Every structure is written in C-alpha cells, then in structure tokens.
C-alpha cells in the first residue's frame, strides 16, 4: 500500500517477496547497512604485506568498501602497524609526504582522480577494479611526474577464480585502450 493506493504485483513476485520476508528474524543485519565479516584471509594477507614492507617504508592499501577499510584498520592497529584511514573526503593525510612511512588505507574511488601521491611507492590492491580506466587512475596517483622511486611495486591478493578473471578482463581492456588510443596504460 502506497499513499492509500494498493499496488498490484504479479502473483509470483508477491509470493517470492512473502517467502523472503518470512525468512527475516530479530537481530538480522540490515542488508545495505551492516557488513558481515565472513573470511579474514584477504585482510590478513594485506596486513602481512604491510608488516613485511622494508624498514621505514609505508604503503597504500586500496579497497572499495568502507567496512573493509575499517576492518583493515582494526587488524592493523592491533598488530601494532602505523595505520591511517583515508576515507573519501574526511581527511587529506594521504597527500601529506610526511605520512609516506605509514600504511594508508584508501578508497579506490575516492582517491582515484586528481590526487598526486608520488611520495608512495608500495601499493596493495585488496579489491582490484574491473574498469581499466579506474585502474589507470588508481595506479597513476603514485606513478607519475615527481615519483622518485625507480620502480613501483603493486601487489594484489587473488583468492578466487573471480579475482583472476576480473584482473584478466581489466588487463584485456587496458591493452585494448593502449592499442587503439596509443596512450600508455600503467598496468600493461
């Protein structure tokens, strides 16, 4: 019922909605509002990567979801690592060269364009973007004019066939873009 009107839906759709609604229980997490932590493998792998960086070197751990960034922060701080959370629009610590010796947890989308992060050389991508354009922007934040390091190291964690196929599809698109536009792609 919406504003005093009854909305007629196809019978099968109504039946499915009722079945799904009947599965609800008290204390059930909100679908869009509460993250459910299932497997800590990727989080542990990222923290292990950060803990094994060369002395006095920091790095950026790129991820998409705020909840995952919070989880990384909790585990990293508990492990005694110098961690800084750099969520979208909340602080500018990621741009400060004085933080280049810390582990920064950053949003792929929030810090994808317009930020010059050449003071960082180590990157770990927890959730690789599907889009070659987004990958180019993400990698370009550190790999650009002003970068003093001879090489940048970008690591990633593939735990599922999906991760490998997602990266392969992104790489395929980057190769296509490079071949058709002539613009060098950083991941190629």
C-alpha atoms as a PDB file:
ATOM      1  CA  UNK A   1       0.000   0.000   0.000  1.00  0.00           C
ATOM      2  CA  UNK A   2       1.408   3.344  -1.012  1.00  0.00           C
ATOM      3  CA  UNK A   3      -0.307   6.649  -0.166  1.00  0.00           C
ATOM      4  CA  UNK A   4      -3.681   4.966   0.205  1.00  0.00           C
ATOM      5  CA  UNK A   5      -3.351   3.023  -3.055  1.00  0.00           C
ATOM      6  CA  UNK A   6      -2.917  -0.693  -3.433  1.00  0.00           C
ATOM      7  CA  UNK A   7      -0.178  -1.720  -5.822  1.00  0.00           C
ATOM      8  CA  UNK A   8      -0.948  -4.854  -7.790  1.00  0.00           C
ATOM      9  CA  UNK A   9       2.082  -7.028  -8.421  1.00  0.00           C
ATOM     10  CA  UNK A  10       2.272 -10.254 -10.390  1.00  0.00           C
ATOM     11  CA  UNK A  11       1.324 -13.216  -8.173  1.00  0.00           C
ATOM     12  CA  UNK A  12       4.711 -14.969  -8.421  1.00  0.00           C
ATOM     13  CA  UNK A  13       6.594 -11.817  -7.408  1.00  0.00           C
ATOM     14  CA  UNK A  14       4.320 -11.283  -4.383  1.00  0.00           C
ATOM     15  CA  UNK A  15       4.767 -14.921  -3.387  1.00  0.00           C
ATOM     16  CA  UNK A  16       8.571 -14.622  -3.557  1.00  0.00           C
ATOM     17  CA  UNK A  17       8.518 -11.389  -1.557  1.00  0.00           C
ATOM     18  CA  UNK A  18       6.450 -13.060   1.179  1.00  0.00           C
ATOM     19  CA  UNK A  19       8.817 -16.049   1.287  1.00  0.00           C
ATOM     20  CA  UNK A  20      11.831 -13.735   1.615  1.00  0.00           C
ATOM     21  CA  UNK A  21      10.060 -11.632   4.246  1.00  0.00           C
ATOM     22  CA  UNK A  22       9.198 -14.764   6.258  1.00  0.00           C
ATOM     23  CA  UNK A  23      12.940 -15.563   6.481  1.00  0.00           C
ATOM     24  CA  UNK A  24      13.556 -12.364   8.451  1.00  0.00           C
ATOM     25  CA  UNK A  25      14.431 -12.752  12.119  1.00  0.00           C
ATOM     26  CA  UNK A  26      15.039 -10.477  15.082  1.00  0.00           C
ATOM     27  CA  UNK A  27      18.600  -9.137  15.062  1.00  0.00           C
ATOM     28  CA  UNK A  28      19.039  -9.807  11.339  1.00  0.00           C
ATOM     29  CA  UNK A  29      21.594  -7.355   9.914  1.00  0.00           C
ATOM     30  CA  UNK A  30      20.285  -4.720   7.549  1.00  0.00           C
ATOM     31  CA  UNK A  31      21.177  -5.753   4.026  1.00  0.00           C
ATOM     32  CA  UNK A  32      22.648  -2.427   2.981  1.00  0.00           C
ATOM     33  CA  UNK A  33      23.750  -1.087   6.332  1.00  0.00           C
ATOM     34  CA  UNK A  34      25.660  -3.802   8.149  1.00  0.00           C
ATOM     35  CA  UNK A  35      28.691  -5.610   6.849  1.00  0.00           C
ATOM     36  CA  UNK A  36      29.027  -9.264   7.702  1.00  0.00           C
ATOM     37  CA  UNK A  37      32.629 -10.333   8.171  1.00  0.00           C
ATOM     38  CA  UNK A  38      32.961 -13.783   6.715  1.00  0.00           C
ATOM     39  CA  UNK A  39      36.572 -14.585   5.859  1.00  0.00           C
ATOM     40  CA  UNK A  40      39.588 -12.721   7.155  1.00  0.00           C
ATOM     41  CA  UNK A  41      42.058 -14.199   4.650  1.00  0.00           C
ATOM     42  CA  UNK A  42      42.389 -11.101   2.426  1.00  0.00           C
ATOM     43  CA  UNK A  43      42.567  -8.788   5.435  1.00  0.00           C
ATOM     44  CA  UNK A  44      45.313 -10.926   6.985  1.00  0.00           C
ATOM     45  CA  UNK A  45      47.182 -11.052   3.665  1.00  0.00           C
ATOM     46  CA  UNK A  46      47.115  -7.247   3.362  1.00  0.00           C
ATOM     47  CA  UNK A  47      48.309  -6.821   6.957  1.00  0.00           C
ATOM     48  CA  UNK A  48      51.072  -9.391   6.377  1.00  0.00           C
ATOM     49  CA  UNK A  49      52.127  -7.435   3.274  1.00  0.00           C
ATOM     50  CA  UNK A  50      52.219  -4.207   5.289  1.00  0.00           C
ATOM     51  CA  UNK A  51      54.153  -5.786   8.159  1.00  0.00           C
ATOM     52  CA  UNK A  52      56.830  -7.048   5.748  1.00  0.00           C
ATOM     53  CA  UNK A  53      57.497  -3.783   3.941  1.00  0.00           C
ATOM     54  CA  UNK A  54      61.126  -2.608   4.095  1.00  0.00           C
ATOM     55  CA  UNK A  55      62.042  -0.629   7.200  1.00  0.00           C
ATOM     56  CA  UNK A  56      60.768   2.964   7.218  1.00  0.00           C
ATOM     57  CA  UNK A  57      58.674   2.401   4.094  1.00  0.00           C
ATOM     58  CA  UNK A  58      54.953   2.735   4.083  1.00  0.00           C
ATOM     59  CA  UNK A  59      52.366   1.891   1.510  1.00  0.00           C
ATOM     60  CA  UNK A  60      48.804   2.238   0.368  1.00  0.00           C
ATOM     61  CA  UNK A  61      46.195  -0.490   0.702  1.00  0.00           C
ATOM     62  CA  UNK A  62      43.474   0.215  -1.865  1.00  0.00           C
ATOM     63  CA  UNK A  63      39.942  -1.082  -1.293  1.00  0.00           C
ATOM     64  CA  UNK A  64      36.392  -0.219  -2.304  1.00  0.00           C
ATOM     65  CA  UNK A  65      34.266  -0.661   0.773  1.00  0.00           C
ATOM     66  CA  UNK A  66      34.338   1.445   3.954  1.00  0.00           C
ATOM     67  CA  UNK A  67      33.556  -1.578   6.086  1.00  0.00           C
ATOM     68  CA  UNK A  68      36.574  -3.413   4.706  1.00  0.00           C
ATOM     69  CA  UNK A  69      38.750  -0.365   5.352  1.00  0.00           C
ATOM     70  CA  UNK A  70      37.539  -0.296   8.961  1.00  0.00           C
ATOM     71  CA  UNK A  71      38.294  -3.999   9.342  1.00  0.00           C
ATOM     72  CA  UNK A  72      41.817  -3.440   7.954  1.00  0.00           C
ATOM     73  CA  UNK A  73      42.330  -0.595  10.410  1.00  0.00           C
ATOM     74  CA  UNK A  74      41.245  -2.705  13.383  1.00  0.00           C
ATOM     75  CA  UNK A  75      43.516  -5.634  12.489  1.00  0.00           C
ATOM     76  CA  UNK A  76      46.469  -3.417  11.502  1.00  0.00           C
ATOM     77  CA  UNK A  77      46.361  -1.300  14.648  1.00  0.00           C
ATOM     78  CA  UNK A  78      46.018  -4.451  16.779  1.00  0.00           C
ATOM     79  CA  UNK A  79      49.186  -5.732  15.061  1.00  0.00           C
ATOM     80  CA  UNK A  80      50.989  -2.506  16.015  1.00  0.00           C
ATOM     81  CA  UNK A  81      51.311  -1.138  12.491  1.00  0.00           C
ATOM     82  CA  UNK A  82      51.366   2.640  11.838  1.00  0.00           C
ATOM     83  CA  UNK A  83      47.994   2.780  10.067  1.00  0.00           C
ATOM     84  CA  UNK A  84      45.991   5.765   8.805  1.00  0.00           C
ATOM     85  CA  UNK A  85      42.484   5.501   7.408  1.00  0.00           C
ATOM     86  CA  UNK A  86      41.968   7.851   4.470  1.00  0.00           C
ATOM     87  CA  UNK A  87      38.263   7.640   3.616  1.00  0.00           C
ATOM     88  CA  UNK A  88      36.727   9.808   0.946  1.00  0.00           C
ATOM     89  CA  UNK A  89      36.621  13.482   1.859  1.00  0.00           C
ATOM     90  CA  UNK A  90      37.293  13.012   5.569  1.00  0.00           C
ATOM     91  CA  UNK A  91      40.984  13.864   5.749  1.00  0.00           C
ATOM     92  CA  UNK A  92      43.876  14.706   3.484  1.00  0.00           C
ATOM     93  CA  UNK A  93      46.521  12.611   5.267  1.00  0.00           C
ATOM     94  CA  UNK A  94      47.062  10.619   2.084  1.00  0.00           C
ATOM     95  CA  UNK A  95      48.527  13.694   0.331  1.00  0.00           C
ATOM     96  CA  UNK A  96      50.997  14.541   3.101  1.00  0.00           C
ATOM     97  CA  UNK A  97      54.533  13.298   2.227  1.00  0.00           C
ATOM     98  CA  UNK A  98      55.240  13.037   5.977  1.00  0.00           C
ATOM     99  CA  UNK A  99      52.895  10.034   6.017  1.00  0.00           C
ATOM    100  CA  UNK A 100      54.864   8.107   3.381  1.00  0.00           C
ATOM    101  CA  UNK A 101      56.230   5.831   6.133  1.00  0.00           C
ATOM    102  CA  UNK A 102      52.743   4.798   7.276  1.00  0.00           C
ATOM    103  CA  UNK A 103      50.246   2.268   5.965  1.00  0.00           C
ATOM    104  CA  UNK A 104      47.378   4.206   4.428  1.00  0.00           C
ATOM    105  CA  UNK A 105      44.033   2.536   3.800  1.00  0.00           C
ATOM    106  CA  UNK A 106      42.465   4.341   0.866  1.00  0.00           C
ATOM    107  CA  UNK A 107      39.339   4.161  -1.247  1.00  0.00           C
ATOM    108  CA  UNK A 108      39.907   3.252  -4.894  1.00  0.00           C
ATOM    109  CA  UNK A 109      37.078   5.524  -5.998  1.00  0.00           C
ATOM    110  CA  UNK A 110      37.646   8.441  -3.622  1.00  0.00           C
ATOM    111  CA  UNK A 111      41.341   8.822  -4.364  1.00  0.00           C
ATOM    112  CA  UNK A 112      41.224   7.702  -7.967  1.00  0.00           C
ATOM    113  CA  UNK A 113      41.437  11.076  -9.685  1.00  0.00           C
ATOM    114  CA  UNK A 114      43.173  14.353  -9.041  1.00  0.00           C
ATOM    115  CA  UNK A 115      45.441  13.298  -6.199  1.00  0.00           C
ATOM    116  CA  UNK A 116      49.196  13.253  -6.602  1.00  0.00           C
ATOM    117  CA  UNK A 117      50.609  10.594  -4.318  1.00  0.00           C
ATOM    118  CA  UNK A 118      54.115  10.246  -5.781  1.00  0.00           C
ATOM    119  CA  UNK A 119      55.594  10.068  -2.282  1.00  0.00           C
ATOM    120  CA  UNK A 120      54.300   6.472  -2.068  1.00  0.00           C
ATOM    121  CA  UNK A 121      55.850   3.554  -3.924  1.00  0.00           C
ATOM    122  CA  UNK A 122      54.312   0.433  -2.361  1.00  0.00           C
ATOM    123  CA  UNK A 123      50.703  -0.402  -3.123  1.00  0.00           C
ATOM    124  CA  UNK A 124      48.477  -3.336  -2.270  1.00  0.00           C
ATOM    125  CA  UNK A 125      45.157  -3.620  -4.078  1.00  0.00           C
ATOM    126  CA  UNK A 126      42.741  -5.577  -1.928  1.00  0.00           C
ATOM    127  CA  UNK A 127      39.876  -5.285  -4.408  1.00  0.00           C
ATOM    128  CA  UNK A 128      41.065  -4.767  -7.979  1.00  0.00           C
ATOM    129  CA  UNK A 129      38.739  -2.509 -10.003  1.00  0.00           C
ATOM    130  CA  UNK A 130      37.058  -4.063 -13.029  1.00  0.00           C
ATOM    131  CA  UNK A 131      37.366  -0.862 -15.037  1.00  0.00           C
ATOM    132  CA  UNK A 132      40.663  -0.293 -16.856  1.00  0.00           C
ATOM    133  CA  UNK A 133      40.038   3.471 -16.570  1.00  0.00           C
ATOM    134  CA  UNK A 134      39.676   3.246 -12.783  1.00  0.00           C
ATOM    135  CA  UNK A 135      42.804   1.060 -12.580  1.00  0.00           C
ATOM    136  CA  UNK A 136      44.750   3.562 -14.690  1.00  0.00           C
ATOM    137  CA  UNK A 137      43.711   6.409 -12.398  1.00  0.00           C
ATOM    138  CA  UNK A 138      44.438   4.424  -9.226  1.00  0.00           C
ATOM    139  CA  UNK A 139      47.926   3.419 -10.385  1.00  0.00           C
ATOM    140  CA  UNK A 140      48.571   6.866 -11.827  1.00  0.00           C
ATOM    141  CA  UNK A 141      48.184   8.546  -8.438  1.00  0.00           C
ATOM    142  CA  UNK A 142      51.601   7.165  -7.408  1.00  0.00           C
ATOM    143  CA  UNK A 143      53.149   6.528 -10.810  1.00  0.00           C
ATOM    144  CA  UNK A 144      53.536   9.966 -12.304  1.00  0.00           C
ATOM    145  CA  UNK A 145      55.705  13.041 -12.642  1.00  0.00           C
ATOM    146  CA  UNK A 146      57.549  13.604  -9.382  1.00  0.00           C
ATOM    147  CA  UNK A 147      57.919   9.931  -8.433  1.00  0.00           C
ATOM    148  CA  UNK A 148      61.482   9.448  -7.194  1.00  0.00           C
ATOM    149  CA  UNK A 149      61.472   5.656  -6.949  1.00  0.00           C
ATOM    150  CA  UNK A 150      62.938   3.655  -9.837  1.00  0.00           C
ATOM    151  CA  UNK A 151      60.056   1.216  -9.625  1.00  0.00           C
ATOM    152  CA  UNK A 152      56.680   0.955  -8.002  1.00  0.00           C
ATOM    153  CA  UNK A 153      55.507  -2.295  -6.526  1.00  0.00           C
ATOM    154  CA  UNK A 154      51.815  -3.139  -6.778  1.00  0.00           C
ATOM    155  CA  UNK A 155      50.646  -6.323  -5.082  1.00  0.00           C
ATOM    156  CA  UNK A 156      47.241  -7.953  -5.073  1.00  0.00           C
ATOM    157  CA  UNK A 157      45.559 -10.934  -3.457  1.00  0.00           C
ATOM    158  CA  UNK A 158      43.752 -13.416  -5.675  1.00  0.00           C
ATOM    159  CA  UNK A 159      41.737 -15.847  -3.596  1.00  0.00           C
ATOM    160  CA  UNK A 160      39.021 -16.852  -6.035  1.00  0.00           C
ATOM    161  CA  UNK A 161      38.841 -17.583  -9.751  1.00  0.00           C
ATOM    162  CA  UNK A 162      36.705 -14.411  -9.910  1.00  0.00           C
ATOM    163  CA  UNK A 163      39.699 -12.315  -8.764  1.00  0.00           C
ATOM    164  CA  UNK A 164      41.899 -13.743 -11.522  1.00  0.00           C
ATOM    165  CA  UNK A 165      39.217 -13.328 -14.199  1.00  0.00           C
ATOM    166  CA  UNK A 166      38.387  -9.798 -13.042  1.00  0.00           C
ATOM    167  CA  UNK A 167      42.058  -8.788 -13.284  1.00  0.00           C
ATOM    168  CA  UNK A 168      42.411 -10.505 -16.666  1.00  0.00           C
ATOM    169  CA  UNK A 169      39.362  -8.674 -18.035  1.00  0.00           C
ATOM    170  CA  UNK A 170      40.705  -5.352 -16.744  1.00  0.00           C
ATOM    171  CA  UNK A 171      44.132  -6.075 -18.263  1.00  0.00           C
ATOM    172  CA  UNK A 172      42.493  -7.018 -21.569  1.00  0.00           C
ATOM    173  CA  UNK A 173      40.621  -3.699 -21.611  1.00  0.00           C
ATOM    174  CA  UNK A 174      43.819  -1.796 -20.764  1.00  0.00           C
ATOM    175  CA  UNK A 175      45.680  -3.490 -23.642  1.00  0.00           C
ATOM    176  CA  UNK A 176      42.789  -2.630 -25.978  1.00  0.00           C
ATOM    177  CA  UNK A 177      42.836   1.008 -24.852  1.00  0.00           C
ATOM    178  CA  UNK A 178      46.592   1.231 -25.312  1.00  0.00           C
ATOM    179  CA  UNK A 179      46.429  -0.327 -28.793  1.00  0.00           C
ATOM    180  CA  UNK A 180      43.520   1.785 -30.014  1.00  0.00           C
ATOM    181  CA  UNK A 181      44.398   5.144 -28.467  1.00  0.00           C
ATOM    182  CA  UNK A 182      48.181   4.932 -28.273  1.00  0.00           C
ATOM    183  CA  UNK A 183      48.022   6.149 -24.663  1.00  0.00           C
ATOM    184  CA  UNK A 184      50.349   4.084 -22.475  1.00  0.00           C
ATOM    185  CA  UNK A 185      48.437   2.173 -19.785  1.00  0.00           C
ATOM    186  CA  UNK A 186      50.206   1.807 -16.448  1.00  0.00           C
ATOM    187  CA  UNK A 187      49.075  -1.764 -15.826  1.00  0.00           C
ATOM    188  CA  UNK A 188      50.379  -3.012 -19.201  1.00  0.00           C
END
